[in-house]
C-alpha cells in the first residue's frame, strides 16, 4: 500500500514540477536561487527532449507502481488517472520538442527582457 501512495504522490510531484517549469520565471525574477534552479530545470528538460530520455520522475513512478503490484504496474485511482493525462500528454514527440523550446524561449524572455538590465545587476 505504501508504494501505491508513493507512486500517486510522485504523479502529483511531477505535475508540480511541470507547473514550476512553466511558471518558475515569475518567481525566479525575484530570487536568484530560484532562477538558477529554474534555468537548470529548463536546461535538463531540453536535454531530455534532445536525447529522447524519460524523466527520472517517470522512472520512479513506474518503479513504485511495479513494487505495489507487479502484475498490474499501472492500476490507478480516479484522480491520479486524470493527473497522469496532464503529465503524460499523448502527443507526437516533435510537438513536445517544439513546446519545450517555446517554453525555454518564453522564460528566457522573462528573465532577460530589454529594460530589465538594471534589475539583473542587483
PDB file of N, CA and C in Angstrom:
ATOM      1  N   UNK A   1       0.826  -1.202   0.000  1.00  0.00           N
ATOM      2  CA  UNK A   1       0.000   0.000   0.000  1.00  0.00           C
ATOM      3  C   UNK A   1       0.866   1.260   0.000  1.00  0.00           C
ATOM      4  N   UNK A   2       1.992   1.206   0.704  1.00  0.00           N
ATOM      5  CA  UNK A   2       2.862   2.391   0.780  1.00  0.00           C
ATOM      6  C   UNK A   2       3.415   2.748  -0.594  1.00  0.00           C
ATOM      7  N   UNK A   3       3.700   1.731  -1.417  1.00  0.00           N
ATOM      8  CA  UNK A   3       4.235   2.010  -2.752  1.00  0.00           C
ATOM      9  C   UNK A   3       3.188   2.682  -3.643  1.00  0.00           C
ATOM     10  N   UNK A   4       1.940   2.298  -3.480  1.00  0.00           N
ATOM     11  CA  UNK A   4       0.866   2.924  -4.251  1.00  0.00           C
ATOM     12  C   UNK A   4       0.740   4.396  -3.861  1.00  0.00           C
ATOM     13  N   UNK A   5       0.776   4.672  -2.580  1.00  0.00           N
ATOM     14  CA  UNK A   5       0.686   6.054  -2.106  1.00  0.00           C
ATOM     15  C   UNK A   5       1.877   6.861  -2.609  1.00  0.00           C
ATOM     16  N   UNK A   6       3.064   6.282  -2.521  1.00  0.00           N
ATOM     17  CA  UNK A   6       4.265   6.978  -3.001  1.00  0.00           C
ATOM     18  C   UNK A   6       4.197   7.226  -4.508  1.00  0.00           C
ATOM     19  N   UNK A   7       3.693   6.262  -5.266  1.00  0.00           N
ATOM     20  CA  UNK A   7       3.558   6.441  -6.719  1.00  0.00           C
ATOM     21  C   UNK A   7       2.560   7.550  -7.036  1.00  0.00           C
ATOM     22  N   UNK A   8       1.450   7.596  -6.302  1.00  0.00           N
ATOM     23  CA  UNK A   8       0.466   8.657  -6.515  1.00  0.00           C
ATOM     24  C   UNK A   8       1.047  10.015  -6.147  1.00  0.00           C
ATOM     25  N   UNK A   9       1.816  10.073  -5.075  1.00  0.00           N
ATOM     26  CA  UNK A   9       2.482  11.321  -4.700  1.00  0.00           C
ATOM     27  C   UNK A   9       3.496  11.739  -5.763  1.00  0.00           C
ATOM     28  N   UNK A  10       4.136  10.756  -6.386  1.00  0.00           N
ATOM     29  CA  UNK A  10       5.109  11.059  -7.433  1.00  0.00           C
ATOM     30  C   UNK A  10       4.432  11.719  -8.631  1.00  0.00           C
ATOM     31  N   UNK A  11       3.211  11.284  -8.967  1.00  0.00           N
ATOM     32  CA  UNK A  11       2.470  11.910 -10.065  1.00  0.00           C
ATOM     33  C   UNK A  11       2.163  13.363  -9.714  1.00  0.00           C
ATOM     34  N   UNK A  12       1.734  13.600  -8.463  1.00  0.00           N
ATOM     35  CA  UNK A  12       1.440  14.966  -8.036  1.00  0.00           C
ATOM     36  C   UNK A  12       2.705  15.827  -8.048  1.00  0.00           C
ATOM     37  N   UNK A  13       3.821  15.257  -7.599  1.00  0.00           N
ATOM     38  CA  UNK A  13       5.098  15.978  -7.628  1.00  0.00           C
ATOM     39  C   UNK A  13       5.503  16.283  -9.067  1.00  0.00           C
ATOM     40  N   UNK A  14       5.298  15.339  -9.950  1.00  0.00           N
ATOM     41  CA  UNK A  14       5.635  15.517 -11.365  1.00  0.00           C
ATOM     42  C   UNK A  14       4.819  16.672 -11.958  1.00  0.00           C
ATOM     43  N   UNK A  15       3.540  16.719 -11.628  1.00  0.00           N
ATOM     44  CA  UNK A  15       2.693  17.806 -12.107  1.00  0.00           C
ATOM     45  C   UNK A  15       3.161  19.144 -11.534  1.00  0.00           C
ATOM     46  N   UNK A  16       3.532  19.157 -10.270  1.00  0.00           N
ATOM     47  CA  UNK A  16       4.043  20.392  -9.656  1.00  0.00           C
ATOM     48  C   UNK A  16       5.343  20.831 -10.335  1.00  0.00           C
ATOM     49  N   UNK A  17       6.207  19.887 -10.670  1.00  0.00           N
ATOM     50  CA  UNK A  17       7.469  20.206 -11.351  1.00  0.00           C
ATOM     51  C   UNK A  17       7.195  20.828 -12.721  1.00  0.00           C
ATOM     52  N   UNK A  18       6.248  20.247 -13.455  1.00  0.00           N
ATOM     53  CA  UNK A  18       5.881  20.797 -14.763  1.00  0.00           C
ATOM     54  C   UNK A  18       5.342  22.214 -14.599  1.00  0.00           C
ATOM     55  N   UNK A  19       4.508  22.414 -13.609  1.00  0.00           N
ATOM     56  CA  UNK A  19       3.996  23.756 -13.331  1.00  0.00           C
ATOM     57  C   UNK A  19       5.107  24.732 -13.004  1.00  0.00           C
ATOM     58  N   UNK A  20       6.087  24.271 -12.229  1.00  0.00           N
ATOM     59  CA  UNK A  20       7.232  25.118 -11.901  1.00  0.00           C
ATOM     60  C   UNK A  20       8.025  25.485 -13.150  1.00  0.00           C
ATOM     61  N   UNK A  21       8.202  24.534 -14.058  1.00  0.00           N
ATOM     62  CA  UNK A  21       8.925  24.831 -15.295  1.00  0.00           C
ATOM     63  C   UNK A  21       8.173  25.864 -16.134  1.00  0.00           C
ATOM     64  N   UNK A  22       6.845  25.814 -16.117  1.00  0.00           N
ATOM     65  CA  UNK A  22       6.060  26.782 -16.879  1.00  0.00           C
ATOM     66  C   UNK A  22       6.019  28.151 -16.215  1.00  0.00           C
ATOM     67  N   UNK A  23       5.914  28.200 -14.902  1.00  0.00           N
ATOM     68  CA  UNK A  23       5.684  29.471 -14.210  1.00  0.00           C
ATOM     69  C   UNK A  23       6.835  29.910 -13.314  1.00  0.00           C
ATOM     70  N   UNK A  24       7.901  29.138 -13.269  1.00  0.00           N
ATOM     71  CA  UNK A  24       9.004  29.434 -12.359  1.00  0.00           C
ATOM     72  C   UNK A  24       9.693  30.757 -12.607  1.00  0.00           C
ATOM     73  N   UNK A  25       9.667  31.256 -13.825  1.00  0.00           N
ATOM     74  CA  UNK A  25      10.323  32.534 -14.124  1.00  0.00           C
ATOM     75  C   UNK A  25       9.651  33.680 -13.373  1.00  0.00           C
ATOM     76  N   UNK A  26       8.351  33.561 -13.137  1.00  0.00           N
ATOM     77  CA  UNK A  26       7.655  34.610 -12.397  1.00  0.00           C
ATOM     78  C   UNK A  26       8.174  34.710 -10.964  1.00  0.00           C
ATOM     79  N   UNK A  27       8.578  33.591 -10.402  1.00  0.00           N
ATOM     80  CA  UNK A  27       9.177  33.561  -9.070  1.00  0.00           C
ATOM     81  C   UNK A  27      10.675  33.830  -9.167  1.00  0.00           C
ATOM     82  N   UNK A  28      11.290  33.324 -10.207  1.00  0.00           N
ATOM     83  CA  UNK A  28      12.738  33.437 -10.377  1.00  0.00           C
ATOM     84  C   UNK A  28      13.239  34.854 -10.594  1.00  0.00           C
ATOM     85  N   UNK A  29      12.396  35.742 -11.105  1.00  0.00           N
ATOM     86  CA  UNK A  29      12.843  37.123 -11.298  1.00  0.00           C
ATOM     87  C   UNK A  29      13.050  37.817  -9.956  1.00  0.00           C
ATOM     88  N   UNK A  30      12.497  37.265  -8.898  1.00  0.00           N
ATOM     89  CA  UNK A  30      12.638  37.855  -7.563  1.00  0.00           C
ATOM     90  C   UNK A  30      13.680  37.154  -6.703  1.00  0.00           C
ATOM     91  N   UNK A  31      14.101  35.977  -7.087  1.00  0.00           N
ATOM     92  CA  UNK A  31      15.038  35.201  -6.272  1.00  0.00           C
ATOM     93  C   UNK A  31      16.107  34.569  -7.152  1.00  0.00           C
ATOM     94  N   UNK A  32      17.343  34.885  -6.860  1.00  0.00           N
ATOM     95  CA  UNK A  32      18.463  34.348  -7.652  1.00  0.00           C
ATOM     96  C   UNK A  32      18.544  32.827  -7.537  1.00  0.00           C
ATOM     97  N   UNK A  33      18.313  32.285  -6.347  1.00  0.00           N
ATOM     98  CA  UNK A  33      18.379  30.826  -6.163  1.00  0.00           C
ATOM     99  C   UNK A  33      17.306  30.114  -6.983  1.00  0.00           C
ATOM    100  N   UNK A  34      16.097  30.659  -6.947  1.00  0.00           N
ATOM    101  CA  UNK A  34      15.010  30.063  -7.725  1.00  0.00           C
ATOM    102  C   UNK A  34      15.327  30.170  -9.216  1.00  0.00           C
ATOM    103  N   UNK A  35      15.882  31.298  -9.628  1.00  0.00           N
ATOM    104  CA  UNK A  35      16.244  31.499 -11.031  1.00  0.00           C
ATOM    105  C   UNK A  35      17.252  30.443 -11.489  1.00  0.00           C
ATOM    106  N   UNK A  36      18.273  30.200 -10.700  1.00  0.00           N
ATOM    107  CA  UNK A  36      19.289  29.197 -11.049  1.00  0.00           C
ATOM    108  C   UNK A  36      18.662  27.810 -11.106  1.00  0.00           C
ATOM    109  N   UNK A  37      17.843  27.479 -10.117  1.00  0.00           N
ATOM    110  CA  UNK A  37      17.168  26.174 -10.081  1.00  0.00           C
ATOM    111  C   UNK A  37      16.228  26.022 -11.273  1.00  0.00           C
ATOM    112  N   UNK A  38      15.486  27.068 -11.571  1.00  0.00           N
ATOM    113  CA  UNK A  38      14.537  27.039 -12.681  1.00  0.00           C
ATOM    114  C   UNK A  38      15.249  26.891 -14.025  1.00  0.00           C
ATOM    115  N   UNK A  39      16.282  27.690 -14.244  1.00  0.00           N
ATOM    116  CA  UNK A  39      17.027  27.584 -15.509  1.00  0.00           C
ATOM    117  C   UNK A  39      17.701  26.220 -15.645  1.00  0.00           C
ATOM    118  N   UNK A  40      18.174  25.663 -14.543  1.00  0.00           N
ATOM    119  CA  UNK A  40      18.752  24.316 -14.577  1.00  0.00           C
ATOM    120  C   UNK A  40      17.703  23.286 -14.963  1.00  0.00           C
ATOM    121  N   UNK A  41      16.509  23.422 -14.406  1.00  0.00           N
ATOM    122  CA  UNK A  41      15.417  22.515 -14.762  1.00  0.00           C
ATOM    123  C   UNK A  41      15.037  22.625 -16.223  1.00  0.00           C
ATOM    124  N   UNK A  42      14.983  23.847 -16.730  1.00  0.00           N
ATOM    125  CA  UNK A  42      14.694  24.040 -18.154  1.00  0.00           C
ATOM    126  C   UNK A  42      15.793  23.431 -19.027  1.00  0.00           C
ATOM    127  N   UNK A  43      17.040  23.606 -18.611  1.00  0.00           N
ATOM    128  CA  UNK A  43      18.152  23.013 -19.355  1.00  0.00           C
ATOM    129  C   UNK A  43      18.053  21.501 -19.392  1.00  0.00           C
ATOM    130  N   UNK A  44      17.698  20.907 -18.249  1.00  0.00           N
ATOM    131  CA  UNK A  44      17.544  19.455 -18.208  1.00  0.00           C
ATOM    132  C   UNK A  44      16.365  19.013 -19.075  1.00  0.00           C
ATOM    133  N   UNK A  45      15.295  19.795 -19.105  1.00  0.00           N
ATOM    134  CA  UNK A  45      14.147  19.466 -19.950  1.00  0.00           C
ATOM    135  C   UNK A  45      14.545  19.459 -21.422  1.00  0.00           C
ATOM    136  N   UNK A  46      15.385  20.411 -21.815  1.00  0.00           N
ATOM    137  CA  UNK A  46      15.856  20.453 -23.200  1.00  0.00           C
ATOM    138  C   UNK A  46      16.713  19.217 -23.489  1.00  0.00           C
ATOM    139  N   UNK A  47      17.612  18.869 -22.577  1.00  0.00           N
ATOM    140  CA  UNK A  47      18.447  17.669 -22.764  1.00  0.00           C
ATOM    141  C   UNK A  47      17.585  16.417 -22.902  1.00  0.00           C
ATOM    142  N   UNK A  48      16.548  16.318 -22.078  1.00  0.00           N
ATOM    143  CA  UNK A  48      15.667  15.145 -22.165  1.00  0.00           C
ATOM    144  C   UNK A  48      15.000  15.067 -23.531  1.00  0.00           C
ATOM    145  N   UNK A  49      14.635  16.201 -24.104  1.00  0.00           N
ATOM    146  CA  UNK A  49      13.993  16.190 -25.414  1.00  0.00           C
ATOM    147  C   UNK A  49      14.999  15.892 -26.522  1.00  0.00           C
ATOM    148  N   UNK A  50      16.180  16.476 -26.427  1.00  0.00           N
ATOM    149  CA  UNK A  50      17.201  16.265 -27.458  1.00  0.00           C
ATOM    150  C   UNK A  50      17.624  14.797 -27.517  1.00  0.00           C
ATOM    151  N   UNK A  51      17.816  14.182 -26.352  1.00  0.00           N
ATOM    152  CA  UNK A  51      18.289  12.795 -26.309  1.00  0.00           C
ATOM    153  C   UNK A  51      17.150  11.795 -26.146  1.00  0.00           C
ATOM    154  N   UNK A  52      15.901  12.279 -26.156  1.00  0.00           N
ATOM    155  CA  UNK A  52      14.722  11.424 -26.047  1.00  0.00           C
ATOM    156  C   UNK A  52      14.757  10.551 -24.788  1.00  0.00           C
ATOM    157  N   UNK A  53      15.101  11.175 -23.670  1.00  0.00           N
ATOM    158  CA  UNK A  53      15.137  10.489 -22.378  1.00  0.00           C
ATOM    159  C   UNK A  53      13.774  10.597 -21.716  1.00  0.00           C
ATOM    160  N   UNK A  54      13.504   9.652 -20.830  1.00  0.00           N
ATOM    161  CA  UNK A  54      12.331   9.758 -19.958  1.00  0.00           C
ATOM    162  C   UNK A  54      12.732  10.519 -18.709  1.00  0.00           C
ATOM    163  N   UNK A  55      11.790  11.247 -18.157  1.00  0.00           N
ATOM    164  CA  UNK A  55      12.029  11.998 -16.930  1.00  0.00           C
ATOM    165  C   UNK A  55      12.318  11.010 -15.792  1.00  0.00           C
ATOM    166  N   UNK A  56      13.284  11.320 -14.939  1.00  0.00           N
ATOM    167  CA  UNK A  56      13.554  10.448 -13.786  1.00  0.00           C
ATOM    168  C   UNK A  56      12.329  10.263 -12.887  1.00  0.00           C
ATOM    169  N   UNK A  57      11.455  11.257 -12.832  1.00  0.00           N
ATOM    170  CA  UNK A  57      10.238  11.109 -12.030  1.00  0.00           C
ATOM    171  C   UNK A  57       9.318  10.045 -12.629  1.00  0.00           C
ATOM    172  N   UNK A  58       9.309   9.921 -13.945  1.00  0.00           N
ATOM    173  CA  UNK A  58       8.527   8.871 -14.599  1.00  0.00           C
ATOM    174  C   UNK A  58       9.077   7.500 -14.241  1.00  0.00           C
ATOM    175  N   UNK A  59      10.395   7.352 -14.304  1.00  0.00           N
ATOM    176  CA  UNK A  59      11.017   6.069 -13.941  1.00  0.00           C
ATOM    177  C   UNK A  59      10.689   5.699 -12.500  1.00  0.00           C
ATOM    178  N   UNK A  60      10.759   6.665 -11.612  1.00  0.00           N
ATOM    179  CA  UNK A  60      10.479   6.399 -10.201  1.00  0.00           C
ATOM    180  C   UNK A  60       9.014   6.013  -9.999  1.00  0.00           C
ATOM    181  N   UNK A  61       8.126   6.689 -10.672  1.00  0.00           N
ATOM    182  CA  UNK A  61       6.713   6.342 -10.539  1.00  0.00           C
ATOM    183  C   UNK A  61       6.437   4.927 -11.035  1.00  0.00           C
ATOM    184  N   UNK A  62       6.969   4.573 -12.189  1.00  0.00           N
ATOM    185  CA  UNK A  62       6.769   3.233 -12.739  1.00  0.00           C
ATOM    186  C   UNK A  62       7.353   2.186 -11.794  1.00  0.00           C
ATOM    187  N   UNK A  63       8.525   2.454 -11.238  1.00  0.00           N
ATOM    188  CA  UNK A  63       9.152   1.537 -10.279  1.00  0.00           C
ATOM    189  C   UNK A  63       8.256   1.340  -9.056  1.00  0.00           C
ATOM    190  N   UNK A  64       7.737   2.448  -8.516  1.00  0.00           N
ATOM    191  CA  UNK A  64       6.887   2.347  -7.328  1.00  0.00           C
ATOM    192  C   UNK A  64       5.590   1.605  -7.634  1.00  0.00           C
ATOM    193  N   UNK A  65       5.010   1.828  -8.806  1.00  0.00           N
ATOM    194  CA  UNK A  65       3.791   1.101  -9.180  1.00  0.00           C
ATOM    195  C   UNK A  65       4.080  -0.391  -9.330  1.00  0.00           C
ATOM    196  N   UNK A  66       5.213  -0.738  -9.897  1.00  0.00           N
ATOM    197  CA  UNK A  66       5.575  -2.149 -10.054  1.00  0.00           C
ATOM    198  C   UNK A  66       5.815  -2.802  -8.692  1.00  0.00           C
ATOM    199  N   UNK A  67       6.380  -2.049  -7.761  1.00  0.00           N
ATOM    200  CA  UNK A  67       6.592  -2.584  -6.400  1.00  0.00           C
ATOM    201  C   UNK A  67       5.261  -2.805  -5.685  1.00  0.00           C
ATOM    202  N   UNK A  68       4.282  -1.965  -5.980  1.00  0.00           N
ATOM    203  CA  UNK A  68       2.965  -2.105  -5.354  1.00  0.00           C
ATOM    204  C   UNK A  68       2.290  -3.388  -5.811  1.00  0.00           C
ATOM    205  N   UNK A  69       2.267  -3.608  -7.116  1.00  0.00           N
ATOM    206  CA  UNK A  69       1.621  -4.797  -7.666  1.00  0.00           C
ATOM    207  C   UNK A  69       2.276  -5.128  -9.001  1.00  0.00           C
ATOM    208  N   UNK A  70       3.242  -6.046  -8.999  1.00  0.00           N
ATOM    209  CA  UNK A  70       3.970  -6.351 -10.237  1.00  0.00           C
ATOM    210  C   UNK A  70       3.074  -6.822 -11.387  1.00  0.00           C
ATOM    211  N   UNK A  71       1.943  -7.438 -11.082  1.00  0.00           N
ATOM    212  CA  UNK A  71       1.061  -7.940 -12.147  1.00  0.00           C
ATOM    213  C   UNK A  71       0.383  -6.797 -12.899  1.00  0.00           C
ATOM    214  N   UNK A  72       0.035  -5.752 -12.197  1.00  0.00           N
ATOM    215  CA  UNK A  72      -0.619  -4.595 -12.828  1.00  0.00           C
ATOM    216  C   UNK A  72       0.157  -3.360 -12.425  1.00  0.00           C
ATOM    217  N   UNK A  73       1.174  -3.043 -13.161  1.00  0.00           N
ATOM    218  CA  UNK A  73       2.048  -1.945 -12.758  1.00  0.00           C
ATOM    219  C   UNK A  73       1.456  -0.576 -13.053  1.00  0.00           C
ATOM    220  N   UNK A  74       0.194  -0.526 -13.564  1.00  0.00           N
ATOM    221  CA  UNK A  74      -0.358   0.797 -13.824  1.00  0.00           C
ATOM    222  C   UNK A  74      -1.844   0.891 -13.498  1.00  0.00           C
ATOM    223  N   UNK A  75      -2.284   0.269 -12.420  1.00  0.00           N
ATOM    224  CA  UNK A  75      -3.654   0.439 -11.941  1.00  0.00           C
ATOM    225  C   UNK A  75      -3.687   1.696 -11.078  1.00  0.00           C
ATOM    226  N   UNK A  76      -4.564   2.647 -11.444  1.00  0.00           N
ATOM    227  CA  UNK A  76      -4.541   3.941 -10.757  1.00  0.00           C
ATOM    228  C   UNK A  76      -5.934   4.337 -10.283  1.00  0.00           C
ATOM    229  N   UNK A  77      -5.968   5.314  -9.387  1.00  0.00           N
ATOM    230  CA  UNK A  77      -7.212   5.868  -8.886  1.00  0.00           C
ATOM    231  C   UNK A  77      -7.793   6.857  -9.891  1.00  0.00           C
ATOM    232  N   UNK A  78      -9.011   7.269  -9.615  1.00  0.00           N
ATOM    233  CA  UNK A  78      -9.739   8.191 -10.475  1.00  0.00           C
ATOM    234  C   UNK A  78      -8.988   9.507 -10.667  1.00  0.00           C
ATOM    235  N   UNK A  79      -8.587  10.152  -9.587  1.00  0.00           N
ATOM    236  CA  UNK A  79      -7.906  11.449  -9.666  1.00  0.00           C
ATOM    237  C   UNK A  79      -6.538  11.304 -10.309  1.00  0.00           C
ATOM    238  N   UNK A  80      -5.812  10.274  -9.907  1.00  0.00           N
ATOM    239  CA  UNK A  80      -4.474  10.051 -10.470  1.00  0.00           C
ATOM    240  C   UNK A  80      -4.559   9.807 -11.967  1.00  0.00           C
ATOM    241  N   UNK A  81      -5.598   9.133 -12.424  1.00  0.00           N
ATOM    242  CA  UNK A  81      -5.764   8.889 -13.856  1.00  0.00           C
ATOM    243  C   UNK A  81      -5.799  10.212 -14.622  1.00  0.00           C
ATOM    244  N   UNK A  82      -6.524  11.204 -14.106  1.00  0.00           N
ATOM    245  CA  UNK A  82      -6.621  12.489 -14.795  1.00  0.00           C
ATOM    246  C   UNK A  82      -5.356  13.322 -14.633  1.00  0.00           C
ATOM    247  N   UNK A  83      -4.697  13.228 -13.487  1.00  0.00           N
ATOM    248  CA  UNK A  83      -3.408  13.906 -13.328  1.00  0.00           C
ATOM    249  C   UNK A  83      -2.402  13.359 -14.324  1.00  0.00           C
ATOM    250  N   UNK A  84      -2.400  12.042 -14.499  1.00  0.00           N
ATOM    251  CA  UNK A  84      -1.452  11.427 -15.429  1.00  0.00           C
ATOM    252  C   UNK A  84      -1.723  11.837 -16.870  1.00  0.00           C
ATOM    253  N   UNK A  85      -2.973  12.098 -17.212  1.00  0.00           N
ATOM    254  CA  UNK A  85      -3.270  12.556 -18.568  1.00  0.00           C
ATOM    255  C   UNK A  85      -2.678  13.933 -18.824  1.00  0.00           C
ATOM    256  N   UNK A  86      -2.549  14.746 -17.781  1.00  0.00           N
ATOM    257  CA  UNK A  86      -1.918  16.057 -17.916  1.00  0.00           C
ATOM    258  C   UNK A  86      -0.401  15.902 -17.961  1.00  0.00           C
ATOM    259  N   UNK A  87       0.138  15.051 -17.086  1.00  0.00           N
ATOM    260  CA  UNK A  87       1.591  14.870 -17.002  1.00  0.00           C
ATOM    261  C   UNK A  87       2.117  14.158 -18.251  1.00  0.00           C
ATOM    262  N   UNK A  88       1.443  13.125 -18.684  1.00  0.00           N
ATOM    263  CA  UNK A  88       1.914  12.317 -19.813  1.00  0.00           C
ATOM    264  C   UNK A  88       1.013  12.544 -21.025  1.00  0.00           C
ATOM    265  N   UNK A  89       1.144  13.696 -21.637  1.00  0.00           N
ATOM    266  CA  UNK A  89       0.331  14.028 -22.806  1.00  0.00           C
ATOM    267  C   UNK A  89       0.587  13.039 -23.934  1.00  0.00           C
ATOM    268  N   UNK A  90      -0.458  12.686 -24.641  1.00  0.00           N
ATOM    269  CA  UNK A  90      -0.355  11.776 -25.776  1.00  0.00           C
ATOM    270  C   UNK A  90      -0.266  12.589 -27.060  1.00  0.00           C
ATOM    271  N   UNK A  91       0.896  13.164 -27.295  1.00  0.00           N
ATOM    272  CA  UNK A  91       1.131  13.960 -28.497  1.00  0.00           C
ATOM    273  C   UNK A  91       2.430  13.474 -29.134  1.00  0.00           C
ATOM    274  N   UNK A  92       2.609  13.754 -30.412  1.00  0.00           N
ATOM    275  CA  UNK A  92       3.857  13.351 -31.068  1.00  0.00           C
ATOM    276  C   UNK A  92       5.074  14.015 -30.413  1.00  0.00           C
ATOM    277  N   UNK A  93       6.207  13.344 -30.505  1.00  0.00           N
ATOM    278  CA  UNK A  93       7.431  13.829 -29.868  1.00  0.00           C
ATOM    279  C   UNK A  93       7.825  15.213 -30.367  1.00  0.00           C
ATOM    280  N   UNK A  94       7.661  15.465 -31.663  1.00  0.00           N
ATOM    281  CA  UNK A  94       8.068  16.775 -32.188  1.00  0.00           C
ATOM    282  C   UNK A  94       7.247  17.906 -31.571  1.00  0.00           C
ATOM    283  N   UNK A  95       5.999  17.645 -31.207  1.00  0.00           N
ATOM    284  CA  UNK A  95       5.173  18.665 -30.554  1.00  0.00           C
ATOM    285  C   UNK A  95       5.737  18.989 -29.174  1.00  0.00           C
ATOM    286  N   UNK A  96       6.177  17.963 -28.463  1.00  0.00           N
ATOM    287  CA  UNK A  96       6.786  18.176 -27.142  1.00  0.00           C
ATOM    288  C   UNK A  96       8.092  18.952 -27.278  1.00  0.00           C
ATOM    289  N   UNK A  97       8.890  18.617 -28.279  1.00  0.00           N
ATOM    290  CA  UNK A  97      10.156  19.330 -28.500  1.00  0.00           C
ATOM    291  C   UNK A  97       9.893  20.799 -28.808  1.00  0.00           C
ATOM    292  N   UNK A  98       8.971  21.071 -29.707  1.00  0.00           N
ATOM    293  CA  UNK A  98       8.644  22.466 -30.055  1.00  0.00           C
ATOM    294  C   UNK A  98       8.101  23.197 -28.833  1.00  0.00           C
ATOM    295  N   UNK A  99       7.221  22.553 -28.096  1.00  0.00           N
ATOM    296  CA  UNK A  99       6.682  23.162 -26.883  1.00  0.00           C
ATOM    297  C   UNK A  99       7.757  23.463 -25.858  1.00  0.00           C
ATOM    298  N   UNK A 100       8.705  22.553 -25.710  1.00  0.00           N
ATOM    299  CA  UNK A 100       9.814  22.768 -24.773  1.00  0.00           C
ATOM    300  C   UNK A 100      10.654  23.956 -25.191  1.00  0.00           C
ATOM    301  N   UNK A 101      10.967  24.040 -26.476  1.00  0.00           N
ATOM    302  CA  UNK A 101      11.766  25.164 -26.959  1.00  0.00           C
ATOM    303  C   UNK A 101      11.028  26.495 -26.814  1.00  0.00           C
ATOM    304  N   UNK A 102       9.727  26.499 -27.078  1.00  0.00           N
ATOM    305  CA  UNK A 102       8.942  27.718 -26.877  1.00  0.00           C
ATOM    306  C   UNK A 102       8.900  28.107 -25.397  1.00  0.00           C
ATOM    307  N   UNK A 103       8.763  27.123 -24.536  1.00  0.00           N
ATOM    308  CA  UNK A 103       8.766  27.379 -23.096  1.00  0.00           C
ATOM    309  C   UNK A 103      10.085  27.985 -22.643  1.00  0.00           C
ATOM    310  N   UNK A 104      11.185  27.420 -23.110  1.00  0.00           N
ATOM    311  CA  UNK A 104      12.504  27.951 -22.760  1.00  0.00           C
ATOM    312  C   UNK A 104      12.656  29.373 -23.291  1.00  0.00           C
ATOM    313  N   UNK A 105      12.245  29.604 -24.528  1.00  0.00           N
ATOM    314  CA  UNK A 105      12.340  30.948 -25.097  1.00  0.00           C
ATOM    315  C   UNK A 105      11.514  31.965 -24.323  1.00  0.00           C
ATOM    316  N   UNK A 106      10.314  31.600 -23.945  1.00  0.00           N
ATOM    317  CA  UNK A 106       9.463  32.498 -23.162  1.00  0.00           C
ATOM    318  C   UNK A 106      10.096  32.813 -21.806  1.00  0.00           C
ATOM    319  N   UNK A 107      10.636  31.799 -21.156  1.00  0.00           N
ATOM    320  CA  UNK A 107      11.253  32.025 -19.848  1.00  0.00           C
ATOM    321  C   UNK A 107      12.521  32.865 -19.957  1.00  0.00           C
ATOM    322  N   UNK A 108      13.306  32.653 -20.984  1.00  0.00           N
ATOM    323  CA  UNK A 108      14.492  33.490 -21.174  1.00  0.00           C
ATOM    324  C   UNK A 108      14.082  34.929 -21.447  1.00  0.00           C
ATOM    325  N   UNK A 109      12.995  35.118 -22.174  1.00  0.00           N
ATOM    326  CA  UNK A 109      12.498  36.480 -22.400  1.00  0.00           C
ATOM    327  C   UNK A 109      12.101  37.133 -21.080  1.00  0.00           C
ATOM    328  N   UNK A 110      11.423  36.367 -20.229  1.00  0.00           N
ATOM    329  CA  UNK A 110      11.022  36.912 -18.926  1.00  0.00           C
ATOM    330  C   UNK A 110      12.244  37.291 -18.103  1.00  0.00           C
ATOM    331  N   UNK A 111      13.257  36.438 -18.100  1.00  0.00           N
ATOM    332  CA  UNK A 111      14.457  36.708 -17.308  1.00  0.00           C
ATOM    333  C   UNK A 111      15.313  37.824 -17.888  1.00  0.00           C
ATOM    334  N   UNK A 112      15.456  37.839 -19.181  1.00  0.00           N
ATOM    335  CA  UNK A 112      16.440  38.725 -19.810  1.00  0.00           C
ATOM    336  C   UNK A 112      15.817  39.738 -20.767  1.00  0.00           C
ATOM    337  N   UNK A 113      14.599  40.129 -20.536  1.00  0.00           N
ATOM    338  CA  UNK A 113      13.928  41.069 -21.437  1.00  0.00           C
ATOM    339  C   UNK A 113      14.584  42.447 -21.382  1.00  0.00           C
ATOM    340  N   UNK A 114      14.513  43.160 -22.476  1.00  0.00           N
ATOM    341  CA  UNK A 114      15.101  44.508 -22.525  1.00  0.00           C
ATOM    342  C   UNK A 114      14.446  45.417 -21.484  1.00  0.00           C
ATOM    343  N   UNK A 115      15.239  46.272 -20.902  1.00  0.00           N
ATOM    344  CA  UNK A 115      14.735  47.193 -19.902  1.00  0.00           C
ATOM    345  C   UNK A 115      14.840  46.673 -18.488  1.00  0.00           C
ATOM    346  N   UNK A 116      15.255  45.437 -18.338  1.00  0.00           N
ATOM    347  CA  UNK A 116      15.398  44.855 -17.016  1.00  0.00           C
ATOM    348  C   UNK A 116      16.864  44.661 -16.640  1.00  0.00           C
ATOM    349  N   UNK A 117      17.768  45.250 -17.407  1.00  0.00           N
ATOM    350  CA  UNK A 117      19.193  45.040 -17.149  1.00  0.00           C
ATOM    351  C   UNK A 117      19.614  45.603 -15.807  1.00  0.00           C
ATOM    352  N   UNK A 118      18.982  46.688 -15.371  1.00  0.00           N
ATOM    353  CA  UNK A 118      19.356  47.254 -14.075  1.00  0.00           C
ATOM    354  C   UNK A 118      18.942  46.341 -12.922  1.00  0.00           C
ATOM    355  N   UNK A 119      17.874  45.560 -13.105  1.00  0.00           N
ATOM    356  CA  UNK A 119      17.456  44.630 -12.074  1.00  0.00           C
ATOM    357  C   UNK A 119      18.394  43.432 -12.017  1.00  0.00           C
ATOM    358  N   UNK A 120      18.948  43.022 -13.152  1.00  0.00           N
ATOM    359  CA  UNK A 120      19.859  41.884 -13.185  1.00  0.00           C
ATOM    360  C   UNK A 120      21.174  42.174 -12.485  1.00  0.00           C
ATOM    361  N   UNK A 121      21.540  43.439 -12.403  1.00  0.00           N
ATOM    362  CA  UNK A 121      22.793  43.792 -11.771  1.00  0.00           C
ATOM    363  C   UNK A 121      22.744  43.723 -10.249  1.00  0.00           C
ATOM    364  N   UNK A 122      21.549  43.625  -9.692  1.00  0.00           N
ATOM    365  CA  UNK A 122      21.411  43.569  -8.231  1.00  0.00           C
ATOM    366  C   UNK A 122      21.849  42.249  -7.681  1.00  0.00           C
TER     367      UNK A 122
END
